[in-house]
Each structure stands twice: as structure tokens, then as C-alpha cells.
Amino acid sequence: MTGPRDIHVYLAEFEDIPGTRVFTAARARQGYHLNQFAMSLMKPENRERWKADEAAYLEGWKLTLEQKQAVLDRDYNRLLDLGGNIYFMAKVFSTDGQSFLQAVSTMSGMSLEDYSAMMLAGGRSPEGLRSFKDKS
């Protein structure tokens, strides 16, 4: 029998999964204001203010400069790295008129058609790089 695991060691293991960002408590704290901004877009009046002047709208939120730039760039992968939750970020791409499939295909670096075909065929292969530390 082994002793109790160090929670920080355990959580650090999630960072070893290539292409995956686990939404941990640390990410939730990091992205709190970012996700609150995204949720604000559920209200029509906020969407209108956002569409009228995105940069000005972001000034009303306690986001880091890096988070603000990632929002303006629509860099969803970076937003996830900065604490964004994909389901909250969906409010941003929905406001832009994009479907979940369209937005996520941009995150994969694949065309919409290629991404859609891959998903319809069963998704990504489980073969390949499964760990940064095990990378050859």
C-alpha cells in the first residue's frame, strides 16, 4: 500500500497530455473573469455592446492583457491555456455566428471538412504521442 498522493503532483500529471487541457481548479481560478466575460454574452444587450466595440467591452472586465489579446485574436487554444472553459468560450464563437464544430476545427489546425470527416470516422486515433515526458 502506498501513502497519500501529493495533490500537486497528481494535478501536474494532467499537463502531460498533449493537446488536452484539463479544466482544473487552478484553471478555473485563473480564468474566472475571462469566463464571466464570456457568460455575459448570453444577454442580447451585452452582445450588441460587444459587437459595437470589442476592445472597449473588454475594458470592463478584469482580464489580463494576454487574455484580452487572445479573445480579440479568437485564439481559443490560448484562451483554454489562460483558464477559459470551452463551454464558456462557446458564447464568444456563437456571438460570432460560428457553430461549435466550426470553432473547434480551428483549434485542431484542420479544415472544417477534414475535422468533420475525422469526427464522423470516430475521432482521433489513440495511437501516437500520449505523453510529453514519453516523447521520443
Protein backbone atom coordinates (compact mmCIF):
# COMPACT_ATOMS: atom_id res chain seq x y z
CA MET A 1 0.00 0.00 0.00
CA THR A 2 1.31 3.43 -0.88
CA GLY A 3 0.90 6.63 1.12
CA PRO A 4 -1.32 9.53 0.16
CA ARG A 5 -0.51 11.20 -3.14
CA ASP A 6 0.62 14.80 -3.25
CA ILE A 7 -2.31 16.61 -4.88
CA HIS A 8 0.04 19.00 -6.69
CA VAL A 9 1.96 16.10 -8.24
CA TYR A 10 -1.31 14.47 -9.26
CA LEU A 11 -2.68 17.65 -10.87
CA ALA A 12 0.63 18.32 -12.65
CA GLU A 13 0.21 14.99 -14.45
CA PHE A 14 -2.74 16.49 -16.35
CA GLU A 15 -0.33 18.90 -18.04
CA ASP A 16 1.48 15.93 -19.61
CA ILE A 17 -1.35 15.07 -22.02
CA PRO A 18 -0.58 16.54 -25.47
CA GLY A 19 -3.42 18.52 -26.99
CA THR A 20 -5.54 18.33 -23.84
CA ARG A 21 -6.28 20.99 -21.29
CA VAL A 22 -7.97 19.65 -18.19
CA PHE A 23 -10.14 22.30 -16.55
CA THR A 24 -8.75 22.10 -13.03
CA ALA A 25 -9.50 24.31 -10.04
CA ALA A 26 -6.30 26.25 -10.82
CA ARG A 27 -7.50 26.94 -14.37
CA ALA A 28 -10.92 27.90 -13.04
CA ARG A 29 -9.35 30.47 -10.72
CA GLN A 30 -7.06 31.75 -13.49
CA GLY A 31 -9.94 32.13 -15.93
CA TYR A 32 -12.68 33.31 -13.59
CA HIS A 33 -13.03 36.81 -15.10
CA LEU A 34 -12.48 35.50 -18.64
CA ASN A 35 -15.32 33.02 -18.24
CA GLN A 36 -17.56 35.64 -16.61
CA PHE A 37 -16.95 37.89 -19.63
CA ALA A 38 -17.94 35.06 -21.97
CA MET A 39 -21.09 34.33 -19.98
CA SER A 40 -22.07 37.99 -20.19
CA LEU A 41 -22.63 37.41 -23.90
CA MET A 42 -25.75 35.44 -23.07
CA LYS A 43 -27.62 38.75 -22.77
CA PRO A 44 -28.62 40.39 -26.07
CA GLU A 45 -27.73 43.89 -24.84
CA ASN A 46 -24.21 42.73 -23.96
CA ARG A 47 -23.77 41.05 -27.34
CA GLU A 48 -24.72 44.33 -29.01
CA ARG A 49 -22.19 46.28 -26.89
CA TRP A 50 -19.55 43.64 -27.68
CA LYS A 51 -20.20 43.77 -31.41
CA ALA A 52 -20.11 47.56 -31.40
CA ASP A 53 -16.62 47.79 -29.84
CA GLU A 54 -14.93 44.60 -28.66
CA ALA A 55 -11.86 46.27 -27.14
CA ALA A 56 -13.98 48.76 -25.18
CA TYR A 57 -16.24 45.98 -23.91
CA LEU A 58 -13.23 44.00 -22.68
CA GLU A 59 -12.05 47.02 -20.68
CA GLY A 60 -14.99 46.43 -18.34
CA TRP A 61 -13.56 43.06 -17.30
CA LYS A 62 -10.59 42.19 -15.07
CA LEU A 63 -8.77 40.25 -17.77
CA THR A 64 -5.03 40.05 -18.20
CA LEU A 65 -3.60 41.71 -21.29
CA GLU A 66 -2.82 38.24 -22.62
CA GLN A 67 -6.42 37.10 -22.11
CA LYS A 68 -7.76 40.24 -23.81
CA GLN A 69 -5.48 39.72 -26.80
CA ALA A 70 -6.40 36.04 -27.09
CA VAL A 71 -10.10 36.99 -27.08
CA LEU A 72 -9.58 39.63 -29.77
CA ASP A 73 -7.50 37.15 -31.81
CA ARG A 74 -10.11 34.41 -31.27
CA ASP A 75 -7.22 32.15 -30.24
CA TYR A 76 -9.32 29.55 -28.49
CA ASN A 77 -6.41 27.24 -27.68
CA ARG A 78 -4.63 30.11 -25.94
CA LEU A 79 -7.84 31.02 -24.12
CA LEU A 80 -8.04 27.48 -22.76
CA ASP A 81 -4.41 27.76 -21.63
CA LEU A 82 -5.32 31.01 -19.86
CA GLY A 83 -8.19 29.49 -17.90
CA GLY A 84 -11.02 29.62 -20.39
CA ASN A 85 -13.61 26.88 -20.31
CA ILE A 86 -14.65 25.68 -23.76
CA TYR A 87 -18.33 25.82 -22.86
CA PHE A 88 -18.00 29.45 -21.78
CA MET A 89 -15.86 30.27 -24.84
CA ALA A 90 -18.74 28.92 -26.92
CA LYS A 91 -20.58 32.14 -26.07
CA VAL A 92 -17.87 34.06 -27.94
CA PHE A 93 -17.91 31.98 -31.10
CA SER A 94 -21.69 31.75 -31.04
CA THR A 95 -21.82 35.55 -30.92
CA ASP A 96 -19.54 35.48 -33.98
CA GLY A 97 -22.06 33.23 -35.73
CA GLN A 98 -19.83 30.15 -35.60
CA SER A 99 -21.01 26.68 -34.70
CA PHE A 100 -19.18 24.58 -32.14
CA LEU A 101 -17.86 22.42 -34.99
CA GLN A 102 -16.53 25.43 -36.90
CA ALA A 103 -14.76 26.86 -33.86
CA VAL A 104 -13.27 23.58 -32.68
CA SER A 105 -11.98 22.77 -36.16
CA THR A 106 -9.90 25.97 -35.99
CA MET A 107 -8.44 24.74 -32.71
CA SER A 108 -7.31 21.50 -34.35
CA GLY A 109 -5.49 23.18 -37.23
CA MET A 110 -7.68 21.23 -39.63
CA SER A 111 -10.17 22.43 -42.19
CA LEU A 112 -13.82 22.19 -41.22
CA GLU A 113 -14.30 19.42 -43.77
CA ASP A 114 -11.30 17.38 -42.58
CA TYR A 115 -12.19 17.83 -38.92
CA SER A 116 -15.80 16.86 -39.53
CA ALA A 117 -14.76 13.77 -41.50
CA MET A 118 -12.33 12.73 -38.76
CA MET A 119 -15.00 13.03 -36.09
CA LEU A 120 -17.57 11.15 -38.17
CA ALA A 121 -14.97 8.38 -38.61
CA GLY A 122 -14.60 8.00 -34.85
CA GLY A 123 -12.30 10.84 -33.81
CA ARG A 124 -8.56 10.99 -33.35
CA SER A 125 -6.58 7.80 -33.30
CA PRO A 126 -5.49 6.71 -29.82
CA GLU A 127 -2.11 5.88 -31.34
CA GLY A 128 0.68 8.41 -31.25
CA LEU A 129 2.06 10.84 -28.71
CA ARG A 130 0.24 10.20 -25.41
CA SER A 131 2.65 11.96 -23.05
CA PHE A 132 5.11 14.83 -23.33
CA LYS A 133 7.52 13.06 -20.98
CA ASP A 134 7.45 9.89 -23.10
CA LYS A 135 8.16 11.81 -26.32
CA SER A 136 10.97 10.16 -28.26
